[in-house]
C-alpha atoms as a PDB file:
ATOM      1  CA  MET A   1      -3.926  10.385 -28.280  1.00  0.00           C
ATOM      2  CA  GLU A   2      -4.318  11.321 -24.528  1.00  0.00           C
ATOM      3  CA  SER A   3      -1.922  10.162 -22.240  1.00  0.00           C
ATOM      4  CA  PRO A   4      -3.367   7.568 -19.686  1.00  0.00           C
ATOM      5  CA  ARG A   5      -3.669   8.142 -15.914  1.00  0.00           C
ATOM      6  CA  HIS A   6      -1.003   5.761 -13.665  1.00  0.00           C
ATOM      7  CA  LEU A   7      -0.774   5.032 -10.320  1.00  0.00           C
ATOM      8  CA  LEU A   8       2.987   4.670  -9.612  1.00  0.00           C
ATOM      9  CA  SER A   9       3.238   6.606  -6.084  1.00  0.00           C
ATOM     10  CA  SER A  10       0.928   7.482  -3.573  1.00  0.00           C
ATOM     11  CA  ALA A  11       2.189  11.004  -4.009  1.00  0.00           C
ATOM     12  CA  GLN A  12       0.021  11.215  -7.267  1.00  0.00           C
ATOM     13  CA  LEU A  13      -3.006  11.211  -5.646  1.00  0.00           C
ATOM     14  CA  THR A  14      -4.437  14.353  -4.262  1.00  0.00           C
ATOM     15  CA  PRO A  15      -5.996  13.927  -0.801  1.00  0.00           C
ATOM     16  CA  GLU A  16      -9.556  14.510  -2.825  1.00  0.00           C
ATOM     17  CA  GLU A  17      -8.514  11.533  -5.018  1.00  0.00           C
ATOM     18  CA  THR A  18      -7.578   9.347  -2.254  1.00  0.00           C
ATOM     19  CA  LEU A  19     -10.670  10.391  -0.259  1.00  0.00           C
ATOM     20  CA  TYR A  20     -12.865   9.579  -3.478  1.00  0.00           C
ATOM     21  CA  LEU A  21     -11.145   6.050  -4.062  1.00  0.00           C
ATOM     22  CA  LEU A  22     -11.833   5.428  -0.400  1.00  0.00           C
ATOM     23  CA  ASP A  23     -15.266   6.074  -0.955  1.00  0.00           C
ATOM     24  CA  LEU A  24     -15.478   3.933  -4.051  1.00  0.00           C
ATOM     25  CA  ALA A  25     -13.718   1.068  -2.581  1.00  0.00           C
ATOM     26  CA  ALA A  26     -16.481   1.097   0.246  1.00  0.00           C
ATOM     27  CA  ALA A  27     -19.291   1.274  -2.304  1.00  0.00           C
ATOM     28  CA  LEU A  28     -17.936  -1.766  -4.164  1.00  0.00           C
ATOM     29  CA  LYS A  29     -17.357  -3.791  -0.977  1.00  0.00           C
ATOM     30  CA  ARG A  30     -21.171  -3.003   0.162  1.00  0.00           C
ATOM     31  CA  ARG A  31     -22.297  -3.719  -3.151  1.00  0.00           C
ATOM     32  CA  PRO A  32     -19.669  -5.526  -5.869  1.00  0.00           C
ATOM     33  CA  GLN A  33     -20.828  -4.411  -9.794  1.00  0.00           C
ATOM     34  CA  ARG A  34     -19.742  -5.299 -12.767  1.00  0.00           C
ATOM     35  CA  ILE A  35     -18.984  -2.304 -14.504  1.00  0.00           C
ATOM     36  CA  LEU A  36     -16.110  -3.408 -16.640  1.00  0.00           C
ATOM     37  CA  PRO A  37     -17.025  -6.238 -18.691  1.00  0.00           C
ATOM     38  CA  GLY A  38     -15.012  -7.518 -21.258  1.00  0.00           C
ATOM     39  CA  LYS A  39     -11.867  -5.473 -19.818  1.00  0.00           C
ATOM     40  CA  HIS A  40      -8.266  -7.214 -19.280  1.00  0.00           C
ATOM     41  CA  LEU A  41      -6.065  -6.616 -16.345  1.00  0.00           C
ATOM     42  CA  ALA A  42      -2.693  -8.103 -17.038  1.00  0.00           C
ATOM     43  CA  LEU A  43      -0.364  -8.915 -13.847  1.00  0.00           C
ATOM     44  CA  LEU A  44       3.101  -8.472 -14.571  1.00  0.00           C
ATOM     45  CA  PHE A  45       4.701  -9.594 -11.423  1.00  0.00           C
ATOM     46  CA  GLU A  46       8.401 -10.037 -10.766  1.00  0.00           C
ATOM     47  CA  LYS A  47       8.311 -10.669  -7.019  1.00  0.00           C
ATOM     48  CA  ALA A  48       6.198 -13.261  -5.299  1.00  0.00           C
ATOM     49  CA  SER A  49       2.944 -12.607  -4.213  1.00  0.00           C
ATOM     50  CA  LEU A  50       0.340 -13.866  -2.375  1.00  0.00           C
ATOM     51  CA  ARG A  51      -2.301 -11.325  -1.355  1.00  0.00           C
ATOM     52  CA  THR A  52      -1.669  -9.184  -4.189  1.00  0.00           C
ATOM     53  CA  ARG A  53      -2.514 -11.733  -6.945  1.00  0.00           C
ATOM     54  CA  VAL A  54      -5.113 -12.995  -5.154  1.00  0.00           C
ATOM     55  CA  SER A  55      -6.831  -9.413  -4.601  1.00  0.00           C
ATOM     56  CA  PHE A  56      -6.464  -8.120  -7.886  1.00  0.00           C
ATOM     57  CA  GLU A  57      -7.799 -11.352  -9.940  1.00  0.00           C
ATOM     58  CA  ILE A  58     -10.980 -11.244  -7.404  1.00  0.00           C
ATOM     59  CA  ALA A  59     -11.231  -7.417  -7.638  1.00  0.00           C
ATOM     60  CA  MET A  60     -11.635  -7.948 -11.379  1.00  0.00           C
ATOM     61  CA  ASP A  61     -13.923 -10.848 -11.283  1.00  0.00           C
ATOM     62  CA  HIS A  62     -16.354  -8.456  -9.092  1.00  0.00           C
ATOM     63  CA  LEU A  63     -16.133  -5.760 -11.547  1.00  0.00           C
ATOM     64  CA  GLY A  64     -17.124  -8.316 -14.514  1.00  0.00           C
ATOM     65  CA  ALA A  65     -13.655  -8.046 -16.063  1.00  0.00           C
ATOM     66  CA  HIS A  66     -10.752 -10.756 -16.946  1.00  0.00           C
ATOM     67  CA  THR A  67      -7.067 -10.966 -15.568  1.00  0.00           C
ATOM     68  CA  MET A  68      -4.072 -12.652 -17.039  1.00  0.00           C
ATOM     69  CA  TYR A  69      -1.081 -13.215 -14.946  1.00  0.00           C
ATOM     70  CA  LEU A  70       2.459 -13.446 -16.808  1.00  0.00           C
ATOM     71  CA  ASP A  71       5.063 -15.280 -14.923  1.00  0.00           C
ATOM     72  CA  PRO A  72       8.520 -13.620 -14.856  1.00  0.00           C
ATOM     73  CA  ARG A  73      10.084 -16.193 -16.194  1.00  0.00           C
ATOM     74  CA  GLU A  74       7.939 -15.592 -19.491  1.00  0.00           C
ATOM     75  CA  VAL A  75       8.502 -12.100 -19.733  1.00  0.00           C
ATOM     76  CA  GLY A  76      12.120 -11.501 -18.425  1.00  0.00           C
ATOM     77  CA  LEU A  77      11.519  -7.558 -18.088  1.00  0.00           C
ATOM     78  CA  GLY A  78      14.400  -5.505 -19.088  1.00  0.00           C
ATOM     79  CA  GLU A  79      16.514  -8.651 -19.676  1.00  0.00           C
ATOM     80  CA  ARG A  80      14.719 -11.149 -22.283  1.00  0.00           C
ATOM     81  CA  GLU A  81      12.968  -8.015 -23.847  1.00  0.00           C
ATOM     82  CA  ALA A  82      13.317  -4.299 -23.343  1.00  0.00           C
ATOM     83  CA  ILE A  83      10.985  -2.773 -20.507  1.00  0.00           C
ATOM     84  CA  ARG A  84       9.432  -0.060 -23.512  1.00  0.00           C
ATOM     85  CA  ASP A  85       8.946  -3.138 -25.597  1.00  0.00           C
ATOM     86  CA  VAL A  86       7.141  -5.199 -23.325  1.00  0.00           C
ATOM     87  CA  ALA A  87       4.975  -2.138 -22.310  1.00  0.00           C
ATOM     88  CA  ARG A  88       4.072  -1.237 -25.748  1.00  0.00           C
ATOM     89  CA  VAL A  89       3.317  -5.026 -26.438  1.00  0.00           C
ATOM     90  CA  ILE A  90       1.077  -5.549 -23.775  1.00  0.00           C
ATOM     91  CA  ALA A  91      -0.990  -2.510 -24.241  1.00  0.00           C
ATOM     92  CA  ARG A  92      -2.316  -3.896 -27.830  1.00  0.00           C
ATOM     93  CA  TYR A  93      -4.085  -6.862 -25.766  1.00  0.00           C
ATOM     94  CA  VAL A  94      -4.964  -5.762 -22.516  1.00  0.00           C
ATOM     95  CA  ASP A  95      -6.543  -2.592 -21.257  1.00  0.00           C
ATOM     96  CA  ILE A  96      -4.634  -2.225 -18.047  1.00  0.00           C
ATOM     97  CA  VAL A  97      -1.660  -3.565 -16.139  1.00  0.00           C
ATOM     98  CA  ALA A  98      -0.393  -3.850 -12.616  1.00  0.00           C
ATOM     99  CA  VAL A  99       3.267  -4.282 -12.398  1.00  0.00           C
ATOM    100  CA  ARG A 100       4.930  -5.782  -8.960  1.00  0.00           C
ATOM    101  CA  THR A 101       8.858  -5.289  -9.295  1.00  0.00           C
ATOM    102  CA  TYR A 102      12.085  -4.152  -8.009  1.00  0.00           C
ATOM    103  CA  GLY A 103      12.919  -0.387  -8.263  1.00  0.00           C
ATOM    104  CA  GLN A 104      10.833   2.661  -8.816  1.00  0.00           C
ATOM    105  CA  THR A 105      12.664   3.238 -11.963  1.00  0.00           C
ATOM    106  CA  ILE A 106      11.554   0.095 -13.771  1.00  0.00           C
ATOM    107  CA  ILE A 107       7.761   1.038 -13.379  1.00  0.00           C
ATOM    108  CA  GLU A 108       8.341   4.268 -14.402  1.00  0.00           C
ATOM    109  CA  GLU A 109       9.919   3.650 -17.409  1.00  0.00           C
ATOM    110  CA  TYR A 110       7.412   1.326 -18.254  1.00  0.00           C
ATOM    111  CA  ALA A 111       4.639   3.692 -17.838  1.00  0.00           C
ATOM    112  CA  ARG A 112       6.214   6.079 -20.260  1.00  0.00           C
ATOM    113  CA  PHE A 113       5.882   3.701 -22.869  1.00  0.00           C
ATOM    114  CA  SER A 114       2.583   2.271 -21.741  1.00  0.00           C
ATOM    115  CA  SER A 115      -0.569   3.636 -23.535  1.00  0.00           C
ATOM    116  CA  ILE A 116      -2.906   1.842 -21.061  1.00  0.00           C
ATOM    117  CA  PRO A 117      -2.814   2.709 -17.516  1.00  0.00           C
ATOM    118  CA  VAL A 118      -0.339   1.282 -15.127  1.00  0.00           C
ATOM    119  CA  ILE A 119      -0.921   0.674 -11.477  1.00  0.00           C
ATOM    120  CA  ASN A 120       2.329  -0.094  -8.959  1.00  0.00           C
ATOM    121  CA  ALA A 121       1.274  -3.611  -6.985  1.00  0.00           C
ATOM    122  CA  LEU A 122       4.643  -2.798  -5.044  1.00  0.00           C
ATOM    123  CA  THR A 123       8.116  -1.567  -5.594  1.00  0.00           C
ATOM    124  CA  ASP A 124      11.117  -1.331  -3.392  1.00  0.00           C
ATOM    125  CA  GLU A 125       9.965   2.354  -3.186  1.00  0.00           C
ATOM    126  CA  GLU A 126       6.175   2.240  -2.798  1.00  0.00           C
ATOM    127  CA  HIS A 127       3.179   0.279  -2.241  1.00  0.00           C
ATOM    128  CA  PRO A 128       0.175   2.690  -3.125  1.00  0.00           C
ATOM    129  CA  CYS A 129      -2.375   0.000  -3.348  1.00  0.00           C
ATOM    130  CA  GLN A 130      -1.803  -1.543   0.352  1.00  0.00           C
ATOM    131  CA  ALA A 131      -1.905   2.053   1.708  1.00  0.00           C
ATOM    132  CA  LEU A 132      -5.041   2.499   0.080  1.00  0.00           C
ATOM    133  CA  ALA A 133      -6.556  -0.838   1.962  1.00  0.00           C
ATOM    134  CA  ASP A 134      -5.082   0.334   5.060  1.00  0.00           C
ATOM    135  CA  LEU A 135      -6.685   3.666   4.970  1.00  0.00           C
ATOM    136  CA  LEU A 136      -9.900   1.864   4.144  1.00  0.00           C
ATOM    137  CA  THR A 137      -9.681  -0.321   6.849  1.00  0.00           C
ATOM    138  CA  LEU A 138      -8.997   2.353   9.035  1.00  0.00           C
ATOM    139  CA  ARG A 139     -11.974   4.275   8.340  1.00  0.00           C
ATOM    140  CA  GLU A 140     -14.113   1.011   8.895  1.00  0.00           C
ATOM    141  CA  HIS A 141     -13.007   1.132  12.360  1.00  0.00           C
ATOM    142  CA  LEU A 142     -12.407   4.683  13.688  1.00  0.00           C
ATOM    143  CA  GLY A 143     -15.277   6.273  11.304  1.00  0.00           C
ATOM    144  CA  THR A 144     -15.352   7.695   7.754  1.00  0.00           C
ATOM    145  CA  ASP A 145     -13.386  11.209   8.783  1.00  0.00           C
ATOM    146  CA  LEU A 146     -10.146   9.983   9.792  1.00  0.00           C
ATOM    147  CA  ARG A 147      -9.032  13.911  10.716  1.00  0.00           C
ATOM    148  CA  GLY A 148      -7.317  13.779  13.899  1.00  0.00           C
ATOM    149  CA  HIS A 149      -7.245  10.095  14.815  1.00  0.00           C
ATOM    150  CA  SER A 150      -3.786   8.975  15.476  1.00  0.00           C
ATOM    151  CA  LEU A 151      -1.644   6.308  13.403  1.00  0.00           C
ATOM    152  CA  ALA A 152       1.740   5.001  14.522  1.00  0.00           C
ATOM    153  CA  PHE A 153       4.245   2.781  12.341  1.00  0.00           C
ATOM    154  CA  VAL A 154       7.073   1.067  14.068  1.00  0.00           C
ATOM    155  CA  GLY A 155       9.650  -0.475  11.793  1.00  0.00           C
ATOM    156  CA  ASP A 156      11.424   0.036   8.662  1.00  0.00           C
ATOM    157  CA  GLY A 157      11.039   3.077   6.652  1.00  0.00           C
ATOM    158  CA  ASN A 158      10.199   1.165   3.580  1.00  0.00           C
ATOM    159  CA  ASN A 159       7.975   1.191   0.834  1.00  0.00           C
ATOM    160  CA  VAL A 160       4.873   0.301   2.983  1.00  0.00           C
ATOM    161  CA  SER A 161       5.501   2.791   5.405  1.00  0.00           C
ATOM    162  CA  THR A 162       6.366   5.192   2.992  1.00  0.00           C
ATOM    163  CA  SER A 163       3.077   4.876   1.092  1.00  0.00           C
ATOM    164  CA  LEU A 164       1.221   4.894   4.695  1.00  0.00           C
ATOM    165  CA  VAL A 165       2.574   8.328   5.693  1.00  0.00           C
ATOM    166  CA  ILE A 166       2.084   9.934   2.390  1.00  0.00           C
ATOM    167  CA  THR A 167      -1.593   8.748   2.424  1.00  0.00           C
ATOM    168  CA  ALA A 168      -2.342   8.970   6.020  1.00  0.00           C
ATOM    169  CA  THR A 169      -1.457  12.661   6.422  1.00  0.00           C
ATOM    170  CA  ALA A 170      -3.325  13.720   3.199  1.00  0.00           C
ATOM    171  CA  LEU A 171      -6.073  12.767   5.286  1.00  0.00           C
ATOM    172  CA  GLY A 172      -5.320  14.914   8.143  1.00  0.00           C
ATOM    173  CA  MET A 173      -4.297  12.199  10.504  1.00  0.00           C
ATOM    174  CA  ASP A 174      -2.137  12.379  13.340  1.00  0.00           C
ATOM    175  CA  VAL A 175       0.807  10.307  11.957  1.00  0.00           C
ATOM    176  CA  ARG A 176       4.134   9.116  13.839  1.00  0.00           C
ATOM    177  CA  ILE A 177       6.646   6.835  12.413  1.00  0.00           C
ATOM    178  CA  ALA A 178       9.630   5.146  14.454  1.00  0.00           C
ATOM    179  CA  SER A 179      12.611   3.802  12.446  1.00  0.00           C
ATOM    180  CA  PRO A 180      16.633   2.865  13.855  1.00  0.00           C
ATOM    181  CA  PRO A 181      18.692   6.048  12.325  1.00  0.00           C
ATOM    182  CA  ARG A 182      19.864   3.784   9.623  1.00  0.00           C
ATOM    183  CA  TYR A 183      16.698   2.963   8.197  1.00  0.00           C
ATOM    184  CA  GLN A 184      14.805   6.171   8.205  1.00  0.00           C
ATOM    185  CA  LEU A 185      12.045   7.161   5.572  1.00  0.00           C
ATOM    186  CA  PRO A 186      13.558   8.872   2.404  1.00  0.00           C
ATOM    187  CA  GLU A 187      14.078  12.537   2.379  1.00  0.00           C
ATOM    188  CA  TRP A 188      11.432  12.939  -0.452  1.00  0.00           C
ATOM    189  CA  ALA A 189       8.671  11.063   1.757  1.00  0.00           C
ATOM    190  CA  LEU A 190       9.485  12.900   4.751  1.00  0.00           C
ATOM    191  CA  VAL A 191       9.032  16.403   3.344  1.00  0.00           C
ATOM    192  CA  GLU A 192       5.538  15.110   1.405  1.00  0.00           C
ATOM    193  CA  ALA A 193       4.330  13.727   4.301  1.00  0.00           C
ATOM    194  CA  GLN A 194       5.282  16.995   6.579  1.00  0.00           C
ATOM    195  CA  THR A 195       3.726  18.923   3.422  1.00  0.00           C
ATOM    196  CA  ARG A 196       0.392  17.197   3.361  1.00  0.00           C
ATOM    197  CA  ALA A 197       0.360  17.319   7.138  1.00  0.00           C
ATOM    198  CA  ARG A 198       0.543  21.026   6.934  1.00  0.00           C
ATOM    199  CA  ASN A 199      -1.977  21.354   4.171  1.00  0.00           C
ATOM    200  CA  SER A 200      -4.323  19.041   5.835  1.00  0.00           C
ATOM    201  CA  GLY A 201      -4.518  20.190   9.249  1.00  0.00           C
ATOM    202  CA  GLY A 202      -2.562  16.739  10.609  1.00  0.00           C
ATOM    203  CA  THR A 203       0.273  16.189  12.158  1.00  0.00           C
ATOM    204  CA  PHE A 204       3.518  14.318  11.434  1.00  0.00           C
ATOM    205  CA  LEU A 205       6.558  13.053  13.365  1.00  0.00           C
ATOM    206  CA  ALA A 206       9.389  10.919  12.456  1.00  0.00           C
ATOM    207  CA  THR A 207      11.436   9.524  15.556  1.00  0.00           C
ATOM    208  CA  THR A 208      13.937   7.059  16.506  1.00  0.00           C
ATOM    209  CA  ASP A 209      11.826   6.623  19.678  1.00  0.00           C
ATOM    210  CA  PRO A 210       9.439   4.016  19.474  1.00  0.00           C
ATOM    211  CA  VAL A 211       7.539   4.650  22.643  1.00  0.00           C
ATOM    212  CA  GLU A 212       7.383   8.506  21.192  1.00  0.00           C
ATOM    213  CA  ALA A 213       5.619   7.241  18.279  1.00  0.00           C
ATOM    214  CA  VAL A 214       3.204   4.834  20.101  1.00  0.00           C
ATOM    215  CA  ARG A 215       2.354   6.650  23.185  1.00  0.00           C
ATOM    216  CA  GLY A 216      -1.762   7.618  22.783  1.00  0.00           C
ATOM    217  CA  ALA A 217      -1.873   5.953  19.366  1.00  0.00           C
ATOM    218  CA  GLU A 218      -5.265   4.813  18.203  1.00  0.00           C
ATOM    219  CA  ALA A 219      -3.713   2.215  15.697  1.00  0.00           C
ATOM    220  CA  VAL A 220      -0.147   0.742  15.400  1.00  0.00           C
ATOM    221  CA  TYR A 221       1.109  -0.724  12.795  1.00  0.00           C
ATOM    222  CA  THR A 222       4.539  -2.503  11.780  1.00  0.00           C
ATOM    223  CA  ASP A 223       5.917  -4.600   8.842  1.00  0.00           C
ATOM    224  CA  VAL A 224       8.676  -7.020   8.605  1.00  0.00           C
ATOM    225  CA  TRP A 225      12.396  -5.810   9.299  1.00  0.00           C
ATOM    226  CA  THR A 226      13.708  -7.649   6.129  1.00  0.00           C
ATOM    227  CA  SER A 227      11.779  -7.096   2.821  1.00  0.00           C
ATOM    228  CA  MET A 228      12.140  -9.300  -0.593  1.00  0.00           C
ATOM    229  CA  GLY A 229      15.565  -8.468  -1.970  1.00  0.00           C
ATOM    230  CA  GLN A 230      17.179  -7.798   1.557  1.00  0.00           C
ATOM    231  CA  GLU A 231      17.901 -11.422   2.710  1.00  0.00           C
ATOM    232  CA  ARG A 232      21.818 -10.947   3.080  1.00  0.00           C
ATOM    233  CA  GLU A 233      21.090  -8.006   5.646  1.00  0.00           C
ATOM    234  CA  ALA A 234      18.554 -10.184   7.697  1.00  0.00           C
ATOM    235  CA  GLU A 235      20.917 -10.971  10.578  1.00  0.00           C
ATOM    236  CA  ARG A 236      22.013  -7.209  10.877  1.00  0.00           C
ATOM    237  CA  ARG A 237      18.561  -5.763  10.686  1.00  0.00           C
ATOM    238  CA  LYS A 238      17.765  -8.142  13.533  1.00  0.00           C
ATOM    239  CA  ILE A 239      20.515  -6.584  15.751  1.00  0.00           C
ATOM    240  CA  ASP A 240      19.365  -2.633  14.476  1.00  0.00           C
ATOM    241  CA  PHE A 241      15.647  -3.498  15.296  1.00  0.00           C
ATOM    242  CA  ALA A 242      15.747  -5.245  18.085  1.00  0.00           C
ATOM    243  CA  ALA A 243      14.222  -2.556  20.283  1.00  0.00           C
ATOM    244  CA  TYR A 244      11.236  -1.732  17.625  1.00  0.00           C
ATOM    245  CA  GLN A 245       9.498  -5.211  18.150  1.00  0.00           C
ATOM    246  CA  LEU A 246       5.944  -4.746  18.574  1.00  0.00           C
ATOM    247  CA  ASN A 247       5.023  -6.467  21.543  1.00  0.00           C
ATOM    248  CA  SER A 248       2.630  -5.766  24.840  1.00  0.00           C
ATOM    249  CA  ALA A 249       5.136  -3.594  26.301  1.00  0.00           C
ATOM    250  CA  LEU A 250       5.455  -1.326  23.474  1.00  0.00           C
ATOM    251  CA  VAL A 251       1.539  -1.736  22.693  1.00  0.00           C
ATOM    252  CA  ALA A 252       0.888  -0.641  26.632  1.00  0.00           C
ATOM    253  CA  HIS A 253       2.068   2.909  25.477  1.00  0.00           C
ATOM    254  CA  ALA A 254      -0.735   3.021  23.059  1.00  0.00           C
ATOM    255  CA  LYS A 255      -4.275   4.410  23.700  1.00  0.00           C
ATOM    256  CA  PRO A 256      -6.203   1.109  25.396  1.00  0.00           C
ATOM    257  CA  GLY A 257      -7.865  -0.781  22.696  1.00  0.00           C
ATOM    258  CA  ALA A 258      -5.456   0.322  20.263  1.00  0.00           C
ATOM    259  CA  PHE A 259      -5.711  -1.290  16.748  1.00  0.00           C
ATOM    260  CA  ILE A 260      -3.306  -3.679  15.578  1.00  0.00           C
ATOM    261  CA  MET A 261      -2.069  -3.677  11.865  1.00  0.00           C
ATOM    262  CA  HIS A 262       0.420  -5.719   9.918  1.00  0.00           C
ATOM    263  CA  ASP A 263       0.334  -5.552   5.931  1.00  0.00           C
ATOM    264  CA  LEU A 264       1.757  -9.327   5.994  1.00  0.00           C
ATOM    265  CA  PRO A 265       3.341 -11.719   5.539  1.00  0.00           C
ATOM    266  CA  ALA A 266       4.624 -11.337   9.215  1.00  0.00           C
ATOM    267  CA  HIS A 267       7.439 -12.780  10.995  1.00  0.00           C
ATOM    268  CA  ARG A 268       6.054 -13.788  14.167  1.00  0.00           C
ATOM    269  CA  GLY A 269       8.684 -13.441  17.190  1.00  0.00           C
ATOM    270  CA  GLU A 270      10.683 -10.598  14.928  1.00  0.00           C
ATOM    271  CA  GLU A 271       8.447  -7.430  14.219  1.00  0.00           C
ATOM    272  CA  ILE A 272       5.549  -8.660  16.418  1.00  0.00           C
ATOM    273  CA  THR A 273       5.160 -11.074  18.651  1.00  0.00           C
ATOM    274  CA  ASP A 274       2.045 -13.866  18.673  1.00  0.00           C
ATOM    275  CA  ASP A 275       0.107 -12.317  21.084  1.00  0.00           C
ATOM    276  CA  VAL A 276       0.060  -8.653  19.693  1.00  0.00           C
ATOM    277  CA  PHE A 277      -0.727 -10.221  16.253  1.00  0.00           C
ATOM    278  CA  GLU A 278      -3.599 -12.333  17.685  1.00  0.00           C
ATOM    279  CA  SER A 279      -4.908  -9.834  20.192  1.00  0.00           C
ATOM    280  CA  PRO A 280      -8.564  -9.172  19.916  1.00  0.00           C
ATOM    281  CA  THR A 281      -7.759  -5.610  18.674  1.00  0.00           C
ATOM    282  CA  SER A 282      -5.996  -6.921  15.532  1.00  0.00           C
ATOM    283  CA  ILE A 283      -7.535  -6.050  11.994  1.00  0.00           C
ATOM    284  CA  ILE A 284      -4.400  -7.227   9.879  1.00  0.00           C
ATOM    285  CA  PHE A 285      -6.832  -9.741   8.007  1.00  0.00           C
ATOM    286  CA  ASP A 286      -9.260  -6.787   7.464  1.00  0.00           C
ATOM    287  CA  GLN A 287      -6.269  -5.090   5.774  1.00  0.00           C
ATOM    288  CA  ALA A 288      -5.835  -8.047   3.476  1.00  0.00           C
ATOM    289  CA  GLU A 289      -9.194  -8.174   3.056  1.00  0.00           C
ATOM    290  CA  ASN A 290      -9.568  -4.576   1.492  1.00  0.00           C
ATOM    291  CA  ARG A 291      -6.698  -5.105  -0.707  1.00  0.00           C
ATOM    292  CA  THR A 292      -9.557  -6.493  -3.104  1.00  0.00           C
ATOM    293  CA  TRP A 293     -11.947  -3.484  -2.611  1.00  0.00           C
ATOM    294  CA  ALA A 294      -9.056  -0.536  -2.864  1.00  0.00           C
ATOM    295  CA  GLN A 295      -7.593  -1.922  -5.916  1.00  0.00           C
ATOM    296  CA  ALA A 296     -11.039  -2.477  -7.671  1.00  0.00           C
ATOM    297  CA  ALA A 297     -11.674   1.178  -7.021  1.00  0.00           C
ATOM    298  CA  VAL A 298      -8.026   2.030  -8.671  1.00  0.00           C
ATOM    299  CA  VAL A 299      -9.194  -0.015 -11.797  1.00  0.00           C
ATOM    300  CA  ALA A 300     -12.627   1.456 -12.109  1.00  0.00           C
ATOM    301  CA  PHE A 301     -10.813   4.908 -11.893  1.00  0.00           C
ATOM    302  CA  LEU A 302      -8.083   4.505 -14.159  1.00  0.00           C
ATOM    303  CA  LEU A 303     -10.325   3.218 -16.313  1.00  0.00           C
ATOM    304  CA  GLY A 304     -13.010   5.934 -16.210  1.00  0.00           C
ATOM    305  CA  ALA A 305     -15.636   3.655 -15.222  1.00  0.00           C
ATOM    306  CA  ASP A 306     -15.881   5.051 -11.510  1.00  0.00           C
ATOM    307  CA  ARG A 307     -18.906   7.316 -12.463  1.00  0.00           C
ATOM    308  CA  ALA A 308     -20.939   4.058 -13.046  1.00  0.00           C
ATOM    309  CA  ILE A 309     -20.248   2.726  -9.449  1.00  0.00           C
ATOM    310  CA  GLN A 310     -23.588   3.089  -7.870  1.00  0.00           C
ATOM    311  CA  PRO A 311     -23.680   3.880  -3.598  1.00  0.00           C
END
């Protein structure tokens, strides 16, 4: 039996596949199509979710398919039951599974034993579905061809920024990220982003200076300083990230009218001020909406139904 295709990391998508998925997502947003009747998606979540759960359920409904949410207390992934056993059992019931968990090694082990496609719905290391929704949103506001357009991320070198820079550099964007010294992207992500930028004709800059990153940028993105599972570090992080707040003074260094981005939930008054969050150029809720269509495209692609999508 042929091994299924998974989406565990943004680095697994070629630039051509990324563009193809964005085109599929745009087509599905223009005209939802019920191309997966009778198919089932399991949502296996160990981390709390608002947007991820709702957007996956709505995406599957638009595709004519069904969704099943599995409460972490019922599954006990790796505790109540071995990861490999859960993966093999669920594959007997449904057609595809989205896993939202902690370490990347958990989802990688799950995928090794799964005979159906596995989607990374968030791990501590990556968030590929969010990155696709972000790029879909930027295409809606900057144009379909993102080559040469500039995007700055200010904040933690976390799962969101990792997937974002890998995806954006693959499309030839001018990508910059500013993080405090102890919170920069992992080395493999820096190398991957640099390689993708070089191959696509884009540029990539990693710096500790938020002004340098934001200067002239057409879009400026931030995320929470303290992610799920890091609550004990919250007070320390507030100190370390104090100079990295997305406020009007920092945004003033960006291109006039620069778009403001955040993956949510936001801690207003910490990583972003309320006036910037609510600014007329904020596209934050467009990002949230586009999770539905990006994920619909991923599901259709992994299940081999993408050719049935009409433009």
